[in-house]
Amino acid sequence: MTHRGSVLSTRRVTRTVAPLLLAVLALSACSDDEPTAAPSPSSSPSASESESETPSPTPTTETATATPTPTVTPTPTPTPTAASPTSTPTPTASAAPVCAAAKVGPANTAGMSVAAATKAKKVSAAARDCDAKTLVTLARADATGLAGDQPASAVFTSKAGPSYVALAILLSMPPTEAFDGTIQPKVFSEQFAQSDAEWDKVIKAGLVTRAQATRMRQNDGGYTGYRVGFAEDGTWTYFTTGR
């Protein structure tokens, strides 16, 4: 015969165990769907973590600063052209100095003989070129009388600018007859010695100043400046000054 107290105890145990069994069954069902243990953290960083931890090089944008090129002012100097190694440089002829008488007009040979005119043109061309060599040769050949009885080589030199100018001016003026041929300027002859117009011509030509012309007329009785003469046979008779 079962004791009432035992039955009651059994029932109480049953009531107590039943809920525990249900709880265990529920936990078992959950263990089939979920992992029993949480995954341990990996020691190696993930790709995203590696990228975040590794500093990425920041591209540096370099701004090129243009260096200003200095403006070079060309010099008024010609630029030499470099010759090739096999070429022979061509010497550049230096410009000859301009003759002081270069702008004087050509010889005036009106009324001269052919021979005198030919010689006058030669002398005029040489004077306007400051050609001392030709003038010395012509003067020596004709025994030309020169101012102060100087030798031709002393009258016609590289520094004798006034002589070339005076000779060229005289030959550009109209000639007049003289006892042994022709003479320039006209004012030197007796026929034109007192002609104001002829005096004005030599002043305008630059052979004398007006003050010099006045003194010549008062003190010398006539023109005593530069003059040139040619004989009819073409001889260059004189290029002189004074009386």
C-alpha atoms as a PDB file:
ATOM      1  CA  MET A   1       0.000   0.000   0.000  1.00  0.00           C
ATOM      2  CA  THR A   2       1.401   3.193  -1.161  1.00  0.00           C
ATOM      3  CA  HIS A   3       1.846   5.877   1.343  1.00  0.00           C
ATOM      4  CA  ARG A   4       0.011   9.030   0.576  1.00  0.00           C
ATOM      5  CA  GLY A   5       2.995  11.027   1.491  1.00  0.00           C
ATOM      6  CA  SER A   6       5.144   9.176  -1.060  1.00  0.00           C
ATOM      7  CA  VAL A   7       2.701   9.787  -3.794  1.00  0.00           C
ATOM      8  CA  LEU A   8       2.564  13.399  -3.004  1.00  0.00           C
ATOM      9  CA  SER A   9       6.298  13.553  -3.009  1.00  0.00           C
ATOM     10  CA  THR A  10       6.487  11.849  -6.356  1.00  0.00           C
ATOM     11  CA  ARG A  11       3.962  14.250  -7.831  1.00  0.00           C
ATOM     12  CA  ARG A  12       5.849  17.192  -6.485  1.00  0.00           C
ATOM     13  CA  VAL A  13       9.074  15.895  -8.020  1.00  0.00           C
ATOM     14  CA  THR A  14       7.302  15.306 -11.294  1.00  0.00           C
ATOM     15  CA  ARG A  15       5.926  18.830 -11.273  1.00  0.00           C
ATOM     16  CA  THR A  16       9.373  20.150 -10.551  1.00  0.00           C
ATOM     17  CA  VAL A  17      11.307  18.051 -13.097  1.00  0.00           C
ATOM     18  CA  ALA A  18       8.857  18.525 -15.949  1.00  0.00           C
ATOM     19  CA  PRO A  19       9.622  22.173 -16.446  1.00  0.00           C
ATOM     20  CA  LEU A  20      13.347  21.450 -16.306  1.00  0.00           C
ATOM     21  CA  LEU A  21      13.065  18.804 -19.010  1.00  0.00           C
ATOM     22  CA  LEU A  22      11.181  21.186 -21.221  1.00  0.00           C
ATOM     23  CA  ALA A  23      13.909  23.744 -20.754  1.00  0.00           C
ATOM     24  CA  VAL A  24      16.625  21.267 -21.639  1.00  0.00           C
ATOM     25  CA  LEU A  25      14.752  20.178 -24.771  1.00  0.00           C
ATOM     26  CA  ALA A  26      14.396  23.779 -25.820  1.00  0.00           C
ATOM     27  CA  LEU A  27      18.105  24.387 -25.428  1.00  0.00           C
ATOM     28  CA  SER A  28      18.902  21.294 -27.430  1.00  0.00           C
ATOM     29  CA  ALA A  29      16.754  22.512 -30.272  1.00  0.00           C
ATOM     30  CA  CYS A  30      18.552  25.824 -30.315  1.00  0.00           C
ATOM     31  CA  SER A  31      21.986  24.178 -30.381  1.00  0.00           C
ATOM     32  CA  ASP A  32      21.244  22.621 -33.799  1.00  0.00           C
ATOM     33  CA  ASP A  33      20.833  26.079 -35.477  1.00  0.00           C
ATOM     34  CA  GLU A  34      23.484  28.170 -33.776  1.00  0.00           C
ATOM     35  CA  PRO A  35      27.180  27.534 -33.104  1.00  0.00           C
ATOM     36  CA  THR A  36      27.949  26.477 -29.630  1.00  0.00           C
ATOM     37  CA  ALA A  37      30.979  28.659 -29.348  1.00  0.00           C
ATOM     38  CA  ALA A  38      31.623  32.174 -30.548  1.00  0.00           C
ATOM     39  CA  PRO A  39      34.327  32.404 -33.198  1.00  0.00           C
ATOM     40  CA  SER A  40      37.652  33.412 -31.785  1.00  0.00           C
ATOM     41  CA  PRO A  41      39.000  36.650 -33.198  1.00  0.00           C
ATOM     42  CA  SER A  42      41.481  36.158 -36.027  1.00  0.00           C
ATOM     43  CA  SER A  43      44.978  37.386 -35.386  1.00  0.00           C
ATOM     44  CA  SER A  44      45.434  38.610 -38.945  1.00  0.00           C
ATOM     45  CA  PRO A  45      43.631  41.852 -39.748  1.00  0.00           C
ATOM     46  CA  SER A  46      40.954  41.852 -42.388  1.00  0.00           C
ATOM     47  CA  ALA A  47      41.488  43.487 -45.746  1.00  0.00           C
ATOM     48  CA  SER A  48      39.509  46.545 -44.705  1.00  0.00           C
ATOM     49  CA  GLU A  49      41.432  46.819 -41.466  1.00  0.00           C
ATOM     50  CA  SER A  50      44.756  46.446 -43.344  1.00  0.00           C
ATOM     51  CA  GLU A  51      43.805  49.153 -45.714  1.00  0.00           C
ATOM     52  CA  SER A  52      42.782  51.434 -42.889  1.00  0.00           C
ATOM     53  CA  GLU A  53      45.913  50.738 -40.878  1.00  0.00           C
ATOM     54  CA  THR A  54      48.385  50.992 -43.751  1.00  0.00           C
ATOM     55  CA  PRO A  55      48.764  54.688 -44.637  1.00  0.00           C
ATOM     56  CA  SER A  56      48.126  55.234 -48.319  1.00  0.00           C
ATOM     57  CA  PRO A  57      50.599  57.553 -50.019  1.00  0.00           C
ATOM     58  CA  THR A  58      48.958  60.854 -50.646  1.00  0.00           C
ATOM     59  CA  PRO A  59      49.705  61.963 -54.209  1.00  0.00           C
ATOM     60  CA  THR A  60      51.631  65.195 -54.127  1.00  0.00           C
ATOM     61  CA  THR A  61      50.609  67.636 -56.766  1.00  0.00           C
ATOM     62  CA  GLU A  62      53.661  69.580 -57.826  1.00  0.00           C
ATOM     63  CA  THR A  63      52.948  72.904 -59.358  1.00  0.00           C
ATOM     64  CA  ALA A  64      55.695  73.770 -61.819  1.00  0.00           C
ATOM     65  CA  THR A  65      56.731  77.319 -61.363  1.00  0.00           C
ATOM     66  CA  ALA A  66      57.800  78.743 -64.680  1.00  0.00           C
ATOM     67  CA  THR A  67      61.134  80.480 -64.438  1.00  0.00           C
ATOM     68  CA  PRO A  68      60.825  83.800 -66.250  1.00  0.00           C
ATOM     69  CA  THR A  69      63.164  83.983 -69.222  1.00  0.00           C
ATOM     70  CA  PRO A  70      65.068  87.266 -69.191  1.00  0.00           C
ATOM     71  CA  THR A  71      64.431  89.420 -72.199  1.00  0.00           C
ATOM     72  CA  VAL A  72      67.662  89.868 -74.103  1.00  0.00           C
ATOM     73  CA  THR A  73      67.987  93.132 -75.943  1.00  0.00           C
ATOM     74  CA  PRO A  74      69.876  92.515 -79.173  1.00  0.00           C
ATOM     75  CA  THR A  75      72.901  94.464 -79.533  1.00  0.00           C
ATOM     76  CA  PRO A  76      73.207  96.799 -82.596  1.00  0.00           C
ATOM     77  CA  THR A  77      76.244  94.360 -83.332  1.00  0.00           C
ATOM     78  CA  PRO A  78      76.083  92.063 -86.497  1.00  0.00           C
ATOM     79  CA  THR A  79      75.880  88.483 -85.580  1.00  0.00           C
ATOM     80  CA  PRO A  80      78.820  86.570 -87.058  1.00  0.00           C
ATOM     81  CA  THR A  81      77.954  83.508 -89.053  1.00  0.00           C
ATOM     82  CA  ALA A  82      79.889  80.456 -88.033  1.00  0.00           C
ATOM     83  CA  ALA A  83      81.761  78.995 -90.967  1.00  0.00           C
ATOM     84  CA  SER A  84      81.932  75.254 -91.531  1.00  0.00           C
ATOM     85  CA  PRO A  85      85.306  73.631 -90.736  1.00  0.00           C
ATOM     86  CA  THR A  86      86.094  73.178 -94.418  1.00  0.00           C
ATOM     87  CA  SER A  87      85.041  76.655 -95.525  1.00  0.00           C
ATOM     88  CA  THR A  88      87.558  79.425 -96.016  1.00  0.00           C
ATOM     89  CA  PRO A  89      86.493  82.686 -94.346  1.00  0.00           C
ATOM     90  CA  THR A  90      86.066  85.532 -96.789  1.00  0.00           C
ATOM     91  CA  PRO A  91      87.850  88.694 -95.597  1.00  0.00           C
ATOM     92  CA  THR A  92      85.559  91.677 -95.243  1.00  0.00           C
ATOM     93  CA  ALA A  93      86.945  94.779 -96.907  1.00  0.00           C
ATOM     94  CA  SER A  94      86.988  97.726 -94.537  1.00  0.00           C
ATOM     95  CA  ALA A  95      85.196 100.796 -95.784  1.00  0.00           C
ATOM     96  CA  ALA A  96      87.576 103.371 -97.220  1.00  0.00           C
ATOM     97  CA  PRO A  97      87.452 106.810 -95.581  1.00  0.00           C
ATOM     98  CA  VAL A  98      85.320 109.299 -97.443  1.00  0.00           C
ATOM     99  CA  CYS A  99      87.317 111.973 -99.244  1.00  0.00           C
ATOM    100  CA  ALA A 100      86.669 115.510 -98.055  1.00  0.00           C
ATOM    101  CA  ALA A 101      86.269 116.644-101.686  1.00  0.00           C
ATOM    102  CA  ALA A 102      83.913 113.813-102.709  1.00  0.00           C
ATOM    103  CA  LYS A 103      80.844 116.048-102.937  1.00  0.00           C
ATOM    104  CA  VAL A 104      82.461 118.670-105.189  1.00  0.00           C
ATOM    105  CA  GLY A 105      81.168 118.755-108.766  1.00  0.00           C
ATOM    106  CA  PRO A 106      83.152 117.526-111.813  1.00  0.00           C
ATOM    107  CA  ALA A 107      85.591 119.605-113.836  1.00  0.00           C
ATOM    108  CA  ASN A 108      84.273 122.538-115.843  1.00  0.00           C
ATOM    109  CA  THR A 109      86.233 122.485-119.120  1.00  0.00           C
ATOM    110  CA  ALA A 110      84.247 125.043-121.105  1.00  0.00           C
ATOM    111  CA  GLY A 111      86.557 126.905-123.572  1.00  0.00           C
ATOM    112  CA  MET A 112      89.555 124.623-122.921  1.00  0.00           C
ATOM    113  CA  SER A 113      91.544 122.863-125.626  1.00  0.00           C
ATOM    114  CA  VAL A 114      90.997 119.104-125.921  1.00  0.00           C
ATOM    115  CA  ALA A 115      94.374 118.362-124.337  1.00  0.00           C
ATOM    116  CA  ALA A 116      93.794 120.810-121.464  1.00  0.00           C
ATOM    117  CA  ALA A 117      90.277 119.504-120.867  1.00  0.00           C
ATOM    118  CA  THR A 118      91.506 115.908-120.759  1.00  0.00           C
ATOM    119  CA  LYS A 119      94.172 116.740-118.188  1.00  0.00           C
ATOM    120  CA  ALA A 120      91.775 118.868-116.128  1.00  0.00           C
ATOM    121  CA  LYS A 121      89.315 115.950-115.868  1.00  0.00           C
ATOM    122  CA  LYS A 122      92.058 113.602-114.683  1.00  0.00           C
ATOM    123  CA  VAL A 123      93.206 116.049-112.028  1.00  0.00           C
ATOM    124  CA  SER A 124      89.621 116.733-110.919  1.00  0.00           C
ATOM    125  CA  ALA A 125      88.787 113.020-110.554  1.00  0.00           C
ATOM    126  CA  ALA A 126      91.927 112.392-108.509  1.00  0.00           C
ATOM    127  CA  ALA A 127      91.237 115.391-106.261  1.00  0.00           C
ATOM    128  CA  ARG A 128      87.641 114.277-105.570  1.00  0.00           C
ATOM    129  CA  ASP A 129      88.953 110.819-104.649  1.00  0.00           C
ATOM    130  CA  CYS A 130      91.835 112.201-102.521  1.00  0.00           C
ATOM    131  CA  ASP A 131      94.042 110.107-104.776  1.00  0.00           C
ATOM    132  CA  ALA A 132      97.468 111.334-103.717  1.00  0.00           C
ATOM    133  CA  LYS A 133      99.356 108.819-105.850  1.00  0.00           C
ATOM    134  CA  THR A 134      97.749 109.955-109.119  1.00  0.00           C
ATOM    135  CA  LEU A 135      98.106 113.652-108.310  1.00  0.00           C
ATOM    136  CA  VAL A 136     101.772 113.259-107.393  1.00  0.00           C
ATOM    137  CA  THR A 137     102.405 111.351-110.625  1.00  0.00           C
ATOM    138  CA  LEU A 138     100.644 113.978-112.781  1.00  0.00           C
ATOM    139  CA  ALA A 139     102.330 116.913-111.026  1.00  0.00           C
ATOM    140  CA  ARG A 140     105.798 115.401-111.349  1.00  0.00           C
ATOM    141  CA  ALA A 141     105.260 114.586-115.028  1.00  0.00           C
ATOM    142  CA  ASP A 142     104.279 118.210-115.810  1.00  0.00           C
ATOM    143  CA  ALA A 143     106.633 119.886-113.316  1.00  0.00           C
ATOM    144  CA  THR A 144     103.558 121.609-111.892  1.00  0.00           C
ATOM    145  CA  GLY A 145     104.314 124.710-109.823  1.00  0.00           C
ATOM    146  CA  LEU A 146     102.890 124.189-106.344  1.00  0.00           C
ATOM    147  CA  ALA A 147     102.393 126.682-103.531  1.00  0.00           C
ATOM    148  CA  GLY A 148     105.651 127.453-101.775  1.00  0.00           C
ATOM    149  CA  ASP A 149     107.541 125.464-104.407  1.00  0.00           C
ATOM    150  CA  GLN A 150     106.845 122.345-102.365  1.00  0.00           C
ATOM    151  CA  PRO A 151     107.318 118.879-103.826  1.00  0.00           C
ATOM    152  CA  ALA A 152     104.112 117.147-104.920  1.00  0.00           C
ATOM    153  CA  SER A 153     104.573 114.429-102.280  1.00  0.00           C
ATOM    154  CA  ALA A 154     104.401 117.114 -99.559  1.00  0.00           C
ATOM    155  CA  VAL A 155     101.281 118.821-100.960  1.00  0.00           C
ATOM    156  CA  PHE A 156      99.222 115.703-101.660  1.00  0.00           C
ATOM    157  CA  THR A 157      99.242 113.487 -98.578  1.00  0.00           C
ATOM    158  CA  SER A 158      96.670 111.546 -96.543  1.00  0.00           C
ATOM    159  CA  LYS A 159      96.276 114.604 -94.286  1.00  0.00           C
ATOM    160  CA  ALA A 160      96.020 117.213 -97.030  1.00  0.00           C
ATOM    161  CA  GLY A 161      92.210 117.485 -97.021  1.00  0.00           C
ATOM    162  CA  PRO A 162      92.128 121.264 -97.666  1.00  0.00           C
ATOM    163  CA  SER A 163      94.381 120.879-100.722  1.00  0.00           C
ATOM    164  CA  TYR A 164      92.077 118.293-102.325  1.00  0.00           C
ATOM    165  CA  VAL A 165      89.011 120.401-101.589  1.00  0.00           C
ATOM    166  CA  ALA A 166      90.532 123.628-102.952  1.00  0.00           C
ATOM    167  CA  LEU A 167      91.770 121.907-106.141  1.00  0.00           C
ATOM    168  CA  ALA A 168      88.400 120.215-106.769  1.00  0.00           C
ATOM    169  CA  ILE A 169      86.486 123.486-106.212  1.00  0.00           C
ATOM    170  CA  LEU A 170      88.739 125.458-108.580  1.00  0.00           C
ATOM    171  CA  LEU A 171      88.304 122.883-111.348  1.00  0.00           C
ATOM    172  CA  SER A 172      84.503 122.975-110.954  1.00  0.00           C
ATOM    173  CA  MET A 173      84.408 126.740-111.651  1.00  0.00           C
ATOM    174  CA  PRO A 174      84.260 128.253-115.167  1.00  0.00           C
ATOM    175  CA  PRO A 175      87.798 128.791-116.575  1.00  0.00           C
ATOM    176  CA  THR A 176      88.984 131.881-118.361  1.00  0.00           C
ATOM    177  CA  GLU A 177      91.780 132.504-120.847  1.00  0.00           C
ATOM    178  CA  ALA A 178      95.239 133.364-119.567  1.00  0.00           C
ATOM    179  CA  PHE A 179      98.476 134.285-121.339  1.00  0.00           C
ATOM    180  CA  ASP A 180      99.616 130.616-121.357  1.00  0.00           C
ATOM    181  CA  GLY A 181      96.309 128.735-121.442  1.00  0.00           C
ATOM    182  CA  THR A 182      93.386 128.842-118.990  1.00  0.00           C
ATOM    183  CA  ILE A 183      92.994 129.734-115.328  1.00  0.00           C
ATOM    184  CA  GLN A 184      90.415 129.164-112.612  1.00  0.00           C
ATOM    185  CA  PRO A 185      88.890 131.152-110.911  1.00  0.00           C
ATOM    186  CA  LYS A 186      88.123 133.989-113.276  1.00  0.00           C
ATOM    187  CA  VAL A 187      88.581 136.633-110.562  1.00  0.00           C
ATOM    188  CA  PHE A 188      92.350 136.106-110.676  1.00  0.00           C
ATOM    189  CA  SER A 189      92.590 137.459-114.220  1.00  0.00           C
ATOM    190  CA  GLU A 190      92.927 141.220-114.846  1.00  0.00           C
ATOM    191  CA  GLN A 191      89.646 141.180-116.763  1.00  0.00           C
ATOM    192  CA  PHE A 192      87.589 140.116-113.698  1.00  0.00           C
ATOM    193  CA  ALA A 193      89.823 141.384-110.878  1.00  0.00           C
ATOM    194  CA  GLN A 194      87.326 144.084-109.877  1.00  0.00           C
ATOM    195  CA  SER A 195      84.114 142.135-110.619  1.00  0.00           C
ATOM    196  CA  ASP A 196      81.969 141.937-107.494  1.00  0.00           C
ATOM    197  CA  ALA A 197      80.069 139.007-109.034  1.00  0.00           C
ATOM    198  CA  GLU A 198      83.279 136.984-109.464  1.00  0.00           C
ATOM    199  CA  TRP A 199      84.393 137.832-105.958  1.00  0.00           C
ATOM    200  CA  ASP A 200      81.055 136.612-104.665  1.00  0.00           C
ATOM    201  CA  LYS A 201      81.580 133.316-106.529  1.00  0.00           C
ATOM    202  CA  VAL A 202      84.864 132.527-104.794  1.00  0.00           C
ATOM    203  CA  ILE A 203      83.364 133.505-101.448  1.00  0.00           C
ATOM    204  CA  LYS A 204      80.309 131.307-102.034  1.00  0.00           C
ATOM    205  CA  ALA A 205      82.514 128.408-103.177  1.00  0.00           C
ATOM    206  CA  GLY A 206      84.417 128.583 -99.886  1.00  0.00           C
ATOM    207  CA  LEU A 207      87.814 129.455-101.323  1.00  0.00           C
ATOM    208  CA  VAL A 208      87.977 132.615 -99.180  1.00  0.00           C
ATOM    209  CA  THR A 209      85.814 134.341 -96.591  1.00  0.00           C
ATOM    210  CA  ARG A 210      84.309 137.761 -97.200  1.00  0.00           C
ATOM    211  CA  ALA A 211      86.748 139.324 -94.738  1.00  0.00           C
ATOM    212  CA  GLN A 212      89.681 137.736 -96.581  1.00  0.00           C
ATOM    213  CA  ALA A 213      88.288 138.943 -99.902  1.00  0.00           C
ATOM    214  CA  THR A 214      88.059 142.496 -98.562  1.00  0.00           C
ATOM    215  CA  ARG A 215      91.658 142.478 -97.346  1.00  0.00           C
ATOM    216  CA  MET A 216      92.872 141.045-100.678  1.00  0.00           C
ATOM    217  CA  ARG A 217      91.160 143.797-102.638  1.00  0.00           C
ATOM    218  CA  GLN A 218      92.450 146.516-100.324  1.00  0.00           C
ATOM    219  CA  ASN A 219      95.976 145.279 -99.625  1.00  0.00           C
ATOM    220  CA  ASP A 220      96.923 143.033-102.558  1.00  0.00           C
ATOM    221  CA  GLY A 221      95.081 144.734-105.392  1.00  0.00           C
ATOM    222  CA  GLY A 222      93.338 141.511-106.382  1.00  0.00           C
ATOM    223  CA  TYR A 223      92.659 137.880-105.655  1.00  0.00           C
ATOM    224  CA  THR A 224      95.607 136.019-104.105  1.00  0.00           C
ATOM    225  CA  GLY A 225      93.868 132.797-103.029  1.00  0.00           C
ATOM    226  CA  TYR A 226      94.127 129.302-104.570  1.00  0.00           C
ATOM    227  CA  ARG A 227      94.169 129.047-108.375  1.00  0.00           C
ATOM    228  CA  VAL A 228      94.951 126.408-111.028  1.00  0.00           C
ATOM    229  CA  GLY A 229      96.105 126.685-114.647  1.00  0.00           C
ATOM    230  CA  PHE A 230      96.479 124.451-117.735  1.00  0.00           C
ATOM    231  CA  ALA A 231      98.375 125.120-120.924  1.00  0.00           C
ATOM    232  CA  GLU A 232      96.812 124.487-124.322  1.00  0.00           C
ATOM    233  CA  ASP A 233      99.001 121.427-124.820  1.00  0.00           C
ATOM    234  CA  GLY A 234      97.514 119.858-121.694  1.00  0.00           C
ATOM    235  CA  THR A 235     100.310 120.667-119.267  1.00  0.00           C
ATOM    236  CA  TRP A 236      99.176 121.170-115.696  1.00  0.00           C
ATOM    237  CA  THR A 237     101.096 124.394-115.162  1.00  0.00           C
ATOM    238  CA  TYR A 238     100.342 125.333-111.538  1.00  0.00           C
ATOM    239  CA  PHE A 239      98.235 124.878-108.434  1.00  0.00           C
ATOM    240  CA  THR A 240      99.261 127.675-106.100  1.00  0.00           C
ATOM    241  CA  THR A 241      98.271 130.592-103.908  1.00  0.00           C
ATOM    242  CA  GLY A 242      99.554 134.122-103.270  1.00  0.00           C
ATOM    243  CA  ARG A 243     101.251 136.307-105.896  1.00  0.00           C
END
